C-alpha atoms as a PDB file:
ATOM      1  CA  MET A   1      -0.061   0.031   0.116  1.00  0.00           C
ATOM      2  CA  SER A   2       1.400   3.422  -0.735  1.00  0.00           C
ATOM      3  CA  GLY A   3       2.155   5.995   1.758  1.00  0.00           C
ATOM      4  CA  THR A   4      -0.651   8.423   3.080  1.00  0.00           C
ATOM      5  CA  ARG A   5      -0.431  11.759   1.934  1.00  0.00           C
ATOM      6  CA  LEU A   6      -2.862  14.603   1.619  1.00  0.00           C
ATOM      7  CA  ILE A   7      -3.347  16.276  -1.764  1.00  0.00           C
ATOM      8  CA  SER A   8      -4.171  19.909  -1.176  1.00  0.00           C
ATOM      9  CA  PHE A   9      -6.594  21.346  -3.645  1.00  0.00           C
ATOM     10  CA  VAL A  10      -7.975  24.751  -4.021  1.00  0.00           C
ATOM     11  CA  THR A  11     -11.553  24.506  -2.609  1.00  0.00           C
ATOM     12  CA  GLU A  12     -12.757  28.132  -1.933  1.00  0.00           C
ATOM     13  CA  LYS A  13     -15.240  28.047  -4.751  1.00  0.00           C
ATOM     14  CA  ARG A  14     -16.649  24.682  -5.555  1.00  0.00           C
ATOM     15  CA  ARG A  15     -18.527  24.056  -8.666  1.00  0.00           C
ATOM     16  CA  TYR A  16     -20.939  21.491  -7.012  1.00  0.00           C
ATOM     17  CA  PRO A  17     -21.621  21.964  -3.354  1.00  0.00           C
ATOM     18  CA  ARG A  18     -21.217  18.891  -1.158  1.00  0.00           C
ATOM     19  CA  ARG A  19     -24.203  17.565   0.883  1.00  0.00           C
ATOM     20  CA  LYS A  20     -24.185  16.495   4.566  1.00  0.00           C
ATOM     21  CA  PRO A  21     -25.846  13.278   5.544  1.00  0.00           C
ATOM     22  CA  PHE A  22     -28.619  13.122   8.135  1.00  0.00           C
ATOM     23  CA  ALA A  23     -27.680  12.425  11.870  1.00  0.00           C
ATOM     24  CA  THR A  24     -29.317   9.109  11.597  1.00  0.00           C
ATOM     25  CA  GLN A  25     -26.941   8.162   8.672  1.00  0.00           C
ATOM     26  CA  PRO A  26     -25.977   4.526   9.126  1.00  0.00           C
ATOM     27  CA  HIS A  27     -22.226   3.615   8.714  1.00  0.00           C
ATOM     28  CA  LEU A  28     -21.148   2.463   5.378  1.00  0.00           C
ATOM     29  CA  CYS A  29     -19.067  -0.590   4.263  1.00  0.00           C
ATOM     30  CA  ALA A  30     -15.610   0.028   2.887  1.00  0.00           C
ATOM     31  CA  ARG A  31     -13.698  -2.953   1.314  1.00  0.00           C
ATOM     32  CA  VAL A  32      -9.973  -2.145   1.282  1.00  0.00           C
ATOM     33  CA  GLN A  33      -6.661  -3.945   0.948  1.00  0.00           C
ATOM     34  CA  VAL A  34      -4.813  -3.904   4.212  1.00  0.00           C
ATOM     35  CA  ASP A  35      -1.430  -5.617   4.133  1.00  0.00           C
ATOM     36  CA  GLY A  36      -2.320  -7.716   1.168  1.00  0.00           C
ATOM     37  CA  GLU A  37      -5.783  -8.920   2.430  1.00  0.00           C
ATOM     38  CA  SER A  38      -9.190  -7.610   1.507  1.00  0.00           C
ATOM     39  CA  LYS A  39     -10.987  -6.265   4.680  1.00  0.00           C
ATOM     40  CA  ILE A  40     -14.196  -4.585   5.361  1.00  0.00           C
ATOM     41  CA  LEU A  41     -14.173  -1.540   7.346  1.00  0.00           C
ATOM     42  CA  SER A  42     -16.791   0.599   9.028  1.00  0.00           C
ATOM     43  CA  ALA A  43     -16.892   4.030   7.408  1.00  0.00           C
ATOM     44  CA  ARG A  44     -18.539   7.157   8.911  1.00  0.00           C
ATOM     45  CA  LEU A  45     -19.959   9.311   5.844  1.00  0.00           C
ATOM     46  CA  LEU A  46     -19.024  12.901   6.355  1.00  0.00           C
ATOM     47  CA  ASP A  47     -20.381  14.344   3.133  1.00  0.00           C
ATOM     48  CA  ILE A  48     -21.150  13.501  -0.577  1.00  0.00           C
ATOM     49  CA  GLY A  49     -20.775  15.471  -3.705  1.00  0.00           C
ATOM     50  CA  ARG A  50     -21.343  14.931  -7.387  1.00  0.00           C
ATOM     51  CA  GLY A  51     -18.158  13.223  -8.110  1.00  0.00           C
ATOM     52  CA  GLY A  52     -17.487  11.311  -4.741  1.00  0.00           C
ATOM     53  CA  LEU A  53     -17.521  11.373  -0.947  1.00  0.00           C
ATOM     54  CA  ARG A  54     -15.695  11.967   2.175  1.00  0.00           C
ATOM     55  CA  ILE A  55     -15.575   9.248   4.795  1.00  0.00           C
ATOM     56  CA  GLU A  56     -13.810   8.646   8.207  1.00  0.00           C
ATOM     57  CA  LEU A  57     -11.906   5.370   8.591  1.00  0.00           C
ATOM     58  CA  SER A  58     -10.090   3.837  11.481  1.00  0.00           C
ATOM     59  CA  HIS A  59      -7.287   2.715   9.107  1.00  0.00           C
ATOM     60  CA  PRO A  60      -5.130   4.668   6.763  1.00  0.00           C
ATOM     61  CA  VAL A  61      -5.238   4.169   3.085  1.00  0.00           C
ATOM     62  CA  GLY A  62      -2.911   5.196   0.239  1.00  0.00           C
ATOM     63  CA  GLU A  63      -3.623   7.526  -2.604  1.00  0.00           C
ATOM     64  CA  GLY A  64      -4.925   5.982  -5.605  1.00  0.00           C
ATOM     65  CA  ASP A  65      -5.993   2.856  -3.747  1.00  0.00           C
ATOM     66  CA  ALA A  66      -9.377   1.373  -5.016  1.00  0.00           C
ATOM     67  CA  ILE A  67     -12.027   0.994  -2.309  1.00  0.00           C
ATOM     68  CA  ASP A  68     -15.514  -0.661  -2.972  1.00  0.00           C
ATOM     69  CA  MET A  69     -18.178   1.432  -1.110  1.00  0.00           C
ATOM     70  CA  SER A  70     -21.653  -0.095  -0.093  1.00  0.00           C
ATOM     71  CA  GLY A  71     -24.383   0.775   2.096  1.00  0.00           C
ATOM     72  CA  GLU A  72     -27.295   3.319   2.114  1.00  0.00           C
ATOM     73  CA  ILE A  73     -26.944   7.041   2.022  1.00  0.00           C
ATOM     74  CA  GLU A  74     -29.662   9.150   3.962  1.00  0.00           C
ATOM     75  CA  ASP A  75     -29.866  13.037   3.129  1.00  0.00           C
ATOM     76  CA  LEU A  76     -32.184  15.561   1.665  1.00  0.00           C
ATOM     77  CA  ARG A  77     -32.438  13.494  -1.596  1.00  0.00           C
ATOM     78  CA  GLY A  78     -33.909  10.635   0.449  1.00  0.00           C
ATOM     79  CA  LYS A  79     -32.280   7.019   0.949  1.00  0.00           C
ATOM     80  CA  GLN A  80     -30.238   5.806  -1.786  1.00  0.00           C
ATOM     81  CA  LYS A  81     -28.346   2.591  -2.389  1.00  0.00           C
ATOM     82  CA  LEU A  82     -24.594   2.885  -2.590  1.00  0.00           C
ATOM     83  CA  ASP A  83     -22.580   0.115  -4.480  1.00  0.00           C
ATOM     84  CA  GLN A  84     -19.771   1.975  -6.024  1.00  0.00           C
ATOM     85  CA  LYS A  85     -15.951   1.464  -6.713  1.00  0.00           C
ATOM     86  CA  CYS A  86     -14.044   4.526  -5.644  1.00  0.00           C
ATOM     87  CA  TYR A  87     -10.525   5.599  -5.494  1.00  0.00           C
ATOM     88  CA  VAL A  88      -8.622   7.449  -2.797  1.00  0.00           C
ATOM     89  CA  GLN A  89      -7.949  10.988  -3.656  1.00  0.00           C
ATOM     90  CA  SER A  90      -6.393  12.034  -0.275  1.00  0.00           C
ATOM     91  CA  CYS A  91      -6.098  10.486   3.326  1.00  0.00           C
ATOM     92  CA  THR A  92      -5.192  12.557   6.234  1.00  0.00           C
ATOM     93  CA  ALA A  93      -4.898  11.801   9.976  1.00  0.00           C
ATOM     94  CA  ALA A  94      -7.516  13.479  12.215  1.00  0.00           C
ATOM     95  CA  ASP A  95      -7.183  14.661  15.876  1.00  0.00           C
ATOM     96  CA  ASN A  96      -9.184  11.890  17.109  1.00  0.00           C
ATOM     97  CA  GLY A  97      -6.907   9.207  15.648  1.00  0.00           C
ATOM     98  CA  THR A  98      -9.095   8.301  12.661  1.00  0.00           C
ATOM     99  CA  PHE A  99      -8.366   9.257   9.172  1.00  0.00           C
ATOM    100  CA  VAL A 100     -10.293  11.238   6.681  1.00  0.00           C
ATOM    101  CA  VAL A 101     -10.509   9.952   3.240  1.00  0.00           C
ATOM    102  CA  ARG A 102     -11.606  11.723   0.245  1.00  0.00           C
ATOM    103  CA  LEU A 103     -12.975   9.451  -2.598  1.00  0.00           C
ATOM    104  CA  SER A 104     -13.812   9.886  -6.088  1.00  0.00           C
ATOM    105  CA  TYR A 105     -16.351   7.652  -8.003  1.00  0.00           C
ATOM    106  CA  GLU A 106     -14.920   5.373 -10.644  1.00  0.00           C
ATOM    107  CA  SER A 107     -16.303   6.651 -13.903  1.00  0.00           C
ATOM    108  CA  LYS A 108     -18.213   4.243 -16.132  1.00  0.00           C
ATOM    109  CA  LYS A 109     -15.705   4.880 -18.992  1.00  0.00           C
ATOM    110  CA  ALA A 110     -12.840   3.508 -16.647  1.00  0.00           C
ATOM    111  CA  GLN A 111     -14.790   0.318 -15.344  1.00  0.00           C
ATOM    112  CA  ALA A 112     -13.321  -1.652 -18.139  1.00  0.00           C
ATOM    113  CA  VAL A 113     -10.167  -1.170 -20.506  1.00  0.00           C
ATOM    114  CA  VAL A 114     -10.856   2.240 -21.957  1.00  0.00           C
ATOM    115  CA  ASN A 115     -11.830   2.098 -25.830  1.00  0.00           C
ATOM    116  CA  THR A 116     -10.087   5.359 -26.948  1.00  0.00           C
ATOM    117  CA  SER A 117      -7.574   6.733 -29.340  1.00  0.00           C
ATOM    118  CA  ALA A 118      -5.684   8.518 -26.594  1.00  0.00           C
ATOM    119  CA  ASP A 119      -2.704   6.544 -25.231  1.00  0.00           C
ATOM    120  CA  LEU A 120      -3.121   6.268 -21.391  1.00  0.00           C
ATOM    121  CA  TYR A 121       0.650   6.461 -21.067  1.00  0.00           C
ATOM    122  CA  GLU A 122       0.658   9.676 -22.987  1.00  0.00           C
ATOM    123  CA  ILE A 123      -2.116  11.292 -20.869  1.00  0.00           C
ATOM    124  CA  LEU A 124       0.093  10.829 -17.818  1.00  0.00           C
ATOM    125  CA  GLN A 125       3.233  11.344 -19.705  1.00  0.00           C
ATOM    126  CA  LEU A 126       4.821   7.998 -18.661  1.00  0.00           C
ATOM    127  CA  SER A 127       6.996   5.303 -20.150  1.00  0.00           C
ATOM    128  CA  ARG A 128       5.266   1.983 -20.767  1.00  0.00           C
ATOM    129  CA  ASN A 129       7.798   0.602 -18.118  1.00  0.00           C
ATOM    130  CA  ALA A 130       6.818   3.011 -15.323  1.00  0.00           C
ATOM    131  CA  ASP A 131       6.643   1.259 -11.988  1.00  0.00           C
ATOM    132  CA  PHE A 132       3.699   1.771  -9.507  1.00  0.00           C
ATOM    133  CA  ASP A 133       5.382   4.555  -7.439  1.00  0.00           C
ATOM    134  CA  THR A 134       6.354   6.670 -10.745  1.00  0.00           C
ATOM    135  CA  ILE A 135       2.602   6.251 -11.817  1.00  0.00           C
ATOM    136  CA  GLN A 136       1.282   7.501  -8.345  1.00  0.00           C
ATOM    137  CA  ARG A 137       3.743  10.407  -8.112  1.00  0.00           C
ATOM    138  CA  VAL A 138       2.958  11.685 -11.585  1.00  0.00           C
ATOM    139  CA  PHE A 139      -0.748  11.183 -10.984  1.00  0.00           C
ATOM    140  CA  ARG A 140      -0.492  13.411  -7.972  1.00  0.00           C
ATOM    141  CA  ILE A 141       1.057  16.082  -9.871  1.00  0.00           C
ATOM    142  CA  PHE A 142      -1.426  16.039 -12.628  1.00  0.00           C
ATOM    143  CA  ALA A 143      -4.432  15.694 -10.223  1.00  0.00           C
ATOM    144  CA  GLN A 144      -3.492  18.789  -8.457  1.00  0.00           C
ATOM    145  CA  ARG A 145      -2.872  20.723 -11.474  1.00  0.00           C
ATOM    146  CA  TYR A 146      -6.080  19.910 -13.354  1.00  0.00           C
ATOM    147  CA  HIS A 147      -8.560  19.443 -10.522  1.00  0.00           C
ATOM    148  CA  PRO A 148     -11.637  21.491 -11.137  1.00  0.00           C
ATOM    149  CA  ASP A 149     -11.360  23.077  -7.687  1.00  0.00           C
ATOM    150  CA  ASN A 150      -7.983  24.531  -8.725  1.00  0.00           C
ATOM    151  CA  GLN A 151      -8.775  28.164  -9.821  1.00  0.00           C
ATOM    152  CA  ASP A 152      -5.368  28.634 -11.641  1.00  0.00           C
ATOM    153  CA  THR A 153      -5.097  25.457 -13.832  1.00  0.00           C
ATOM    154  CA  GLY A 154      -8.156  23.403 -13.330  1.00  0.00           C
ATOM    155  CA  ASN A 155      -9.722  21.666 -16.383  1.00  0.00           C
ATOM    156  CA  SER A 156     -12.325  18.995 -15.547  1.00  0.00           C
ATOM    157  CA  GLU A 157     -12.043  17.348 -19.169  1.00  0.00           C
ATOM    158  CA  ILE A 158      -8.428  16.787 -18.645  1.00  0.00           C
ATOM    159  CA  PHE A 159      -8.744  15.824 -15.121  1.00  0.00           C
ATOM    160  CA  GLN A 160     -11.315  13.083 -16.077  1.00  0.00           C
ATOM    161  CA  ARG A 161      -8.778  11.702 -18.530  1.00  0.00           C
ATOM    162  CA  VAL A 162      -6.075  11.658 -15.826  1.00  0.00           C
ATOM    163  CA  ILE A 163      -8.586   9.919 -13.472  1.00  0.00           C
ATOM    164  CA  GLU A 164      -9.347   7.143 -16.137  1.00  0.00           C
ATOM    165  CA  ALA A 165      -5.773   6.694 -17.068  1.00  0.00           C
ATOM    166  CA  HIS A 166      -4.633   6.246 -13.543  1.00  0.00           C
ATOM    167  CA  LEU A 167      -7.549   3.888 -12.527  1.00  0.00           C
ATOM    168  CA  ILE A 168      -6.223   1.371 -15.361  1.00  0.00           C
ATOM    169  CA  LEU A 169      -2.418   1.825 -15.095  1.00  0.00           C
ATOM    170  CA  SER A 170      -2.411   1.520 -11.198  1.00  0.00           C
ATOM    171  CA  ASP A 171      -4.558  -1.565 -11.366  1.00  0.00           C
ATOM    172  CA  PRO A 172      -2.000  -4.497 -12.250  1.00  0.00           C
ATOM    173  CA  GLU A 173      -4.841  -6.650 -14.036  1.00  0.00           C
ATOM    174  CA  ARG A 174      -6.382  -3.778 -15.916  1.00  0.00           C
ATOM    175  CA  ARG A 175      -2.917  -2.539 -16.988  1.00  0.00           C
ATOM    176  CA  ALA A 176      -1.970  -5.971 -18.237  1.00  0.00           C
ATOM    177  CA  ALA A 177      -5.277  -6.166 -20.289  1.00  0.00           C
ATOM    178  CA  TYR A 178      -4.608  -2.609 -21.735  1.00  0.00           C
ATOM    179  CA  ASP A 179      -1.046  -3.352 -22.515  1.00  0.00           C
ATOM    180  CA  LEU A 180      -2.038  -6.634 -24.301  1.00  0.00           C
ATOM    181  CA  GLN A 181      -4.742  -4.650 -26.248  1.00  0.00           C
ATOM    182  CA  THR A 182      -2.455  -1.878 -27.494  1.00  0.00           C
ATOM    183  CA  GLN A 183       0.886  -3.700 -27.660  1.00  0.00           C
ATOM    184  CA  HIS A 184       0.940  -3.903 -31.525  1.00  0.00           C
ATOM    185  CA  GLN A 185      -0.026  -0.209 -31.803  1.00  0.00           C
ATOM    186  CA  ALA A 186       2.556   0.730 -29.088  1.00  0.00           C
ATOM    187  CA  ALA A 187       5.292  -1.085 -30.863  1.00  0.00           C
ATOM    188  CA  ASN A 188       4.840   0.863 -33.983  1.00  0.00           C
ATOM    189  CA  LYS A 189       3.562   4.198 -32.805  1.00  0.00           C
ATOM    190  CA  PHE A 190       6.903   5.919 -31.980  1.00  0.00           C
ATOM    191  CA  LYS A 191       8.745   4.355 -34.782  1.00  0.00           C
ATOM    192  CA  LEU A 192       9.799   7.106 -37.309  1.00  0.00           C
ATOM    193  CA  PHE A 193      10.903   4.965 -40.169  1.00  0.00           C
ATOM    194  CA  ASP A 194       9.788   1.749 -41.918  1.00  0.00           C
ATOM    195  CA  SER A 195      13.316   0.735 -43.060  1.00  0.00           C
ATOM    196  CA  TRP A 196      16.793   2.093 -42.761  1.00  0.00           C
ATOM    197  CA  GLN A 197      16.591   3.575 -46.504  1.00  0.00           C
ATOM    198  CA  ASP A 198      13.916   5.991 -44.946  1.00  0.00           C
ATOM    199  CA  THR A 199      16.614   7.632 -42.813  1.00  0.00           C
ATOM    200  CA  GLN A 200      18.620   8.745 -45.932  1.00  0.00           C
ATOM    201  CA  GLY A 201      18.498  12.360 -47.326  1.00  0.00           C
ATOM    202  CA  THR A 202      17.739  15.735 -45.859  1.00  0.00           C
ATOM    203  CA  ALA A 203      14.171  15.075 -44.959  1.00  0.00           C
ATOM    204  CA  GLY A 204      14.999  11.820 -42.924  1.00  0.00           C
ATOM    205  CA  GLU A 205      17.908  13.627 -41.324  1.00  0.00           C
ATOM    206  CA  ARG A 206      15.638  16.388 -40.107  1.00  0.00           C
ATOM    207  CA  ARG A 207      13.282  13.993 -38.702  1.00  0.00           C
ATOM    208  CA  ILE A 208      15.983  12.175 -36.909  1.00  0.00           C
ATOM    209  CA  ARG A 209      17.220  15.363 -35.319  1.00  0.00           C
ATOM    210  CA  LYS A 210      13.757  16.452 -34.219  1.00  0.00           C
ATOM    211  CA  GLY A 211      12.944  12.977 -32.680  1.00  0.00           C
ATOM    212  CA  VAL A 212      16.276  13.056 -30.707  1.00  0.00           C
ATOM    213  CA  LEU A 213      15.483  16.482 -29.297  1.00  0.00           C
ATOM    214  CA  THR A 214      11.962  15.491 -28.547  1.00  0.00           C
ATOM    215  CA  ILE A 215      13.060  12.434 -26.421  1.00  0.00           C
ATOM    216  CA  LEU A 216      15.589  14.395 -24.457  1.00  0.00           C
ATOM    217  CA  TYR A 217      12.964  17.394 -23.878  1.00  0.00           C
ATOM    218  CA  ARG A 218      10.423  14.885 -22.735  1.00  0.00           C
ATOM    219  CA  HIS A 219      12.859  13.166 -20.456  1.00  0.00           C
ATOM    220  CA  ARG A 220      14.091  16.363 -18.940  1.00  0.00           C
ATOM    221  CA  GLN A 221      10.464  17.429 -18.054  1.00  0.00           C
ATOM    222  CA  LEU A 222       9.895  14.269 -16.200  1.00  0.00           C
ATOM    223  CA  ASN A 223      13.255  13.615 -14.715  1.00  0.00           C
ATOM    224  CA  PRO A 224      14.862  17.183 -14.158  1.00  0.00           C
ATOM    225  CA  ARG A 225      17.314  15.662 -11.533  1.00  0.00           C
ATOM    226  CA  LEU A 226      18.475  12.956 -13.996  1.00  0.00           C
ATOM    227  CA  PRO A 227      17.949  14.341 -17.441  1.00  0.00           C
ATOM    228  CA  GLU A 228      20.385  11.877 -19.245  1.00  0.00           C
ATOM    229  CA  VAL A 229      19.331   9.456 -21.792  1.00  0.00           C
ATOM    230  CA  SER A 230      21.407   6.673 -23.260  1.00  0.00           C
ATOM    231  CA  LEU A 231      22.106   6.456 -26.973  1.00  0.00           C
ATOM    232  CA  ILE A 232      20.690   2.886 -26.870  1.00  0.00           C
ATOM    233  CA  ASP A 233      17.329   4.212 -25.517  1.00  0.00           C
ATOM    234  CA  ILE A 234      17.150   6.858 -28.179  1.00  0.00           C
ATOM    235  CA  ALA A 235      17.822   4.582 -30.868  1.00  0.00           C
ATOM    236  CA  GLU A 236      15.156   1.983 -29.745  1.00  0.00           C
ATOM    237  CA  ALA A 237      12.529   4.675 -29.197  1.00  0.00           C
ATOM    238  CA  LEU A 238      13.268   6.098 -32.836  1.00  0.00           C
ATOM    239  CA  GLY A 239      13.620   2.625 -34.445  1.00  0.00           C
ATOM    240  CA  VAL A 240      16.799   3.707 -35.969  1.00  0.00           C
ATOM    241  CA  PRO A 241      20.147   1.896 -35.748  1.00  0.00           C
ATOM    242  CA  ARG A 242      22.793   3.544 -33.615  1.00  0.00           C
ATOM    243  CA  GLU A 243      25.242   4.097 -36.597  1.00  0.00           C
ATOM    244  CA  HIS A 244      22.455   6.004 -38.415  1.00  0.00           C
ATOM    245  CA  LEU A 245      22.527   8.624 -35.507  1.00  0.00           C
ATOM    246  CA  GLU A 246      26.151   9.711 -35.765  1.00  0.00           C
ATOM    247  CA  PHE A 247      25.666  12.561 -38.088  1.00  0.00           C
ATOM    248  CA  SER A 248      22.445  13.765 -36.144  1.00  0.00           C
ATOM    249  CA  LEU A 249      24.177  13.689 -32.985  1.00  0.00           C
ATOM    250  CA  TRP A 250      27.294  15.588 -34.523  1.00  0.00           C
ATOM    251  CA  PHE A 251      24.983  18.277 -35.872  1.00  0.00           C
ATOM    252  CA  LEU A 252      22.993  18.773 -32.572  1.00  0.00           C
ATOM    253  CA  ARG A 253      26.249  18.912 -30.435  1.00  0.00           C
ATOM    254  CA  GLU A 254      27.842  21.445 -32.871  1.00  0.00           C
ATOM    255  CA  SER A 255      24.537  23.531 -32.803  1.00  0.00           C
ATOM    256  CA  LYS A 256      24.722  23.441 -28.765  1.00  0.00           C
ATOM    257  CA  TYR A 257      21.227  21.664 -28.700  1.00  0.00           C
ATOM    258  CA  ILE A 258      22.652  18.535 -26.805  1.00  0.00           C
ATOM    259  CA  ARG A 259      25.765  17.626 -24.908  1.00  0.00           C
ATOM    260  CA  ASN A 260      27.291  14.677 -23.162  1.00  0.00           C
ATOM    261  CA  ALA A 261      26.683  14.376 -19.475  1.00  0.00           C
ATOM    262  CA  ASP A 262      29.349  13.296 -17.012  1.00  0.00           C
ATOM    263  CA  SER A 263      27.890   9.737 -17.262  1.00  0.00           C
ATOM    264  CA  GLY A 264      28.512   9.732 -21.118  1.00  0.00           C
ATOM    265  CA  ARG A 265      24.680   9.783 -21.788  1.00  0.00           C
ATOM    266  CA  LEU A 266      23.103  12.634 -23.755  1.00  0.00           C
ATOM    267  CA  GLU A 267      20.975  15.411 -22.404  1.00  0.00           C
ATOM    268  CA  ILE A 268      19.253  18.545 -23.889  1.00  0.00           C
ATOM    269  CA  THR A 269      20.524  22.079 -23.432  1.00  0.00           C
ATOM    270  CA  LEU A 270      18.739  25.289 -23.074  1.00  0.00           C
ATOM    271  CA  ALA A 271      19.368  26.070 -26.640  1.00  0.00           C
ATOM    272  CA  GLY A 272      17.627  22.697 -27.528  1.00  0.00           C
ATOM    273  CA  VAL A 273      14.732  23.300 -25.322  1.00  0.00           C
ATOM    274  CA  LEU A 274      14.223  26.697 -27.008  1.00  0.00           C
ATOM    275  CA  SER A 275      14.447  25.016 -30.354  1.00  0.00           C
ATOM    276  CA  VAL A 276      11.833  22.304 -29.503  1.00  0.00           C
ATOM    277  CA  GLU A 277       9.443  24.898 -28.244  1.00  0.00           C
ATOM    278  CA  GLU A 278       9.933  27.118 -31.243  1.00  0.00           C
ATOM    279  CA  ASP A 279       9.181  24.402 -33.444  1.00  0.00           C
ATOM    280  CA  GLU A 280       6.026  23.595 -31.617  1.00  0.00           C
ATOM    281  CA  ALA A 281       4.867  27.187 -31.699  1.00  0.00           C
ATOM    282  CA  ILE A 282       5.239  27.298 -35.510  1.00  0.00           C
ATOM    283  CA  ASP A 283       3.378  24.156 -36.124  1.00  0.00           C
ATOM    284  CA  ARG A 284       2.358  21.616 -33.475  1.00  0.00           C
ATOM    285  CA  ARG A 285       1.867  18.796 -35.998  1.00  0.00           C
ATOM    286  CA  ASP A 286       5.864  18.849 -36.643  1.00  0.00           C
ATOM    287  CA  ILE A 287       6.533  17.700 -33.133  1.00  0.00           C
ATOM    288  CA  VAL A 288       7.147  14.035 -33.007  1.00  0.00           C
ATOM    289  CA  GLU A 289       5.160  12.464 -30.109  1.00  0.00           C
ATOM    290  CA  LEU A 290       7.693   9.939 -28.473  1.00  0.00           C
ATOM    291  CA  PRO A 291       7.506   8.043 -25.191  1.00  0.00           C
ATOM    292  CA  ALA A 292       9.268   9.094 -22.045  1.00  0.00           C
ATOM    293  CA  ILE A 293      12.356   7.179 -21.033  1.00  0.00           C
ATOM    294  CA  GLU A 294      12.680   5.919 -17.473  1.00  0.00           C
ATOM    295  CA  ALA A 295      15.505   7.380 -15.457  1.00  0.00           C
ATOM    296  CA  ALA A 296      18.388   4.783 -14.778  1.00  0.00           C
ATOM    297  CA  ASN A 297      18.490   3.409 -11.374  1.00  0.00           C
END
């Protein structure tokens, strides 16, 4: 189970007010995973909103953990049956020794493998080899940024996509099913060339250079403390033999767009970052979408 941590959202102006249950509200049942075992805990309902509810538990839970909630809710709308899978948005310790847990309902779109053209790994800007801790860390960053209660950067549509991507990629069974469903597409999506002959000529060379810069740009965004990428990883991501990158790397070094780090790996420079962003500003369609490369251990 991941560590307990509170996600701080801007909540001064909620778009949808939350409702308080009646004093006679019975406790709900929360099925959670505790030390690898499924247990049912008694949950006191604190309030309920359009997208989820807030409960009080005797045991801490981790962000992103799935919880099956069941029982009956009694408020101004009458009595309603609750049988809903939720995920933990935040968990924080209360003064009385209990834990206040904020839950969000699992959307119907995410109850099965999502049938969408959007790549779930791209939504969270993750490598397909990202581990659970990395998924949780990146999810928290995007959840804070795009939550509708965030007055500066909130975006309900993007937030929903982030939720759906996280619900699948953080669940081992669903992630395996999704990977199986999309493995052929993923294997070819980021490959720039069908054969080595396509790398020849000035047009092919420009595409290689843009691909190298895009990989290094994305990697520095996600791993600012360890921005280096090996030549092997770049060649595999582009689908280009390493020997076909020599001219491109010479050009990018001479242009001061990339440099060799102390480790011998490659990293993008400030000039390279500005070049990528300038190209994107001119025409977004020219930016090659490439996967993030996981930082070396």
